[in-house]
Amino acid sequence: MGMNIWLAVAAGGALGAMARHGVSRAAMHVLGPNFPWGTLAANVVGSFAMGLIIVWLSAKEPASPALRAFLTVGLLGAFTTFSTFSLDVVTLYRDRTLTIAGAYLLASVILSVGGLLAGLQIGRQLA
């Protein structure tokens, strides 16, 4: 992978992270801190944007690998990893089966939440 791809991911990641922070702050200000509205908004908007961008990039084929990396891995990856996860689920369903896509979906959610809980537990023991 060329250096220009790495730089594209880094630039997109910086912008995506700043956008995520902005959405979270705005949601907390408007809707309050009693529900993770910012996370929900970023996940839904990011997933919608991933769909639009994938269609747009497909129509531009061959799309620049640096542009694709900037938009998908960098910008949307930092804005929300849920957008990439959503694309993976839909791609598995399209290219494989509903069973494989469903297994990936369940495994991702269960194992990720389990990983967080394990990290919290171990972190507390080490603190």
Foldseek 3Di string as FASTA:
>chain_A
DDPLLVVLQAVLQVQQQVVLVVLQVVCCVVPNDPDSPSLVVLLVVLLVVLVVVVVVCVVVPVHDSSVCSNNPNRNSVNNDVNNVLVVVLVVCCVVPNNVVSVVSVVCVVVVVVVVVVVCVVVVVVVD
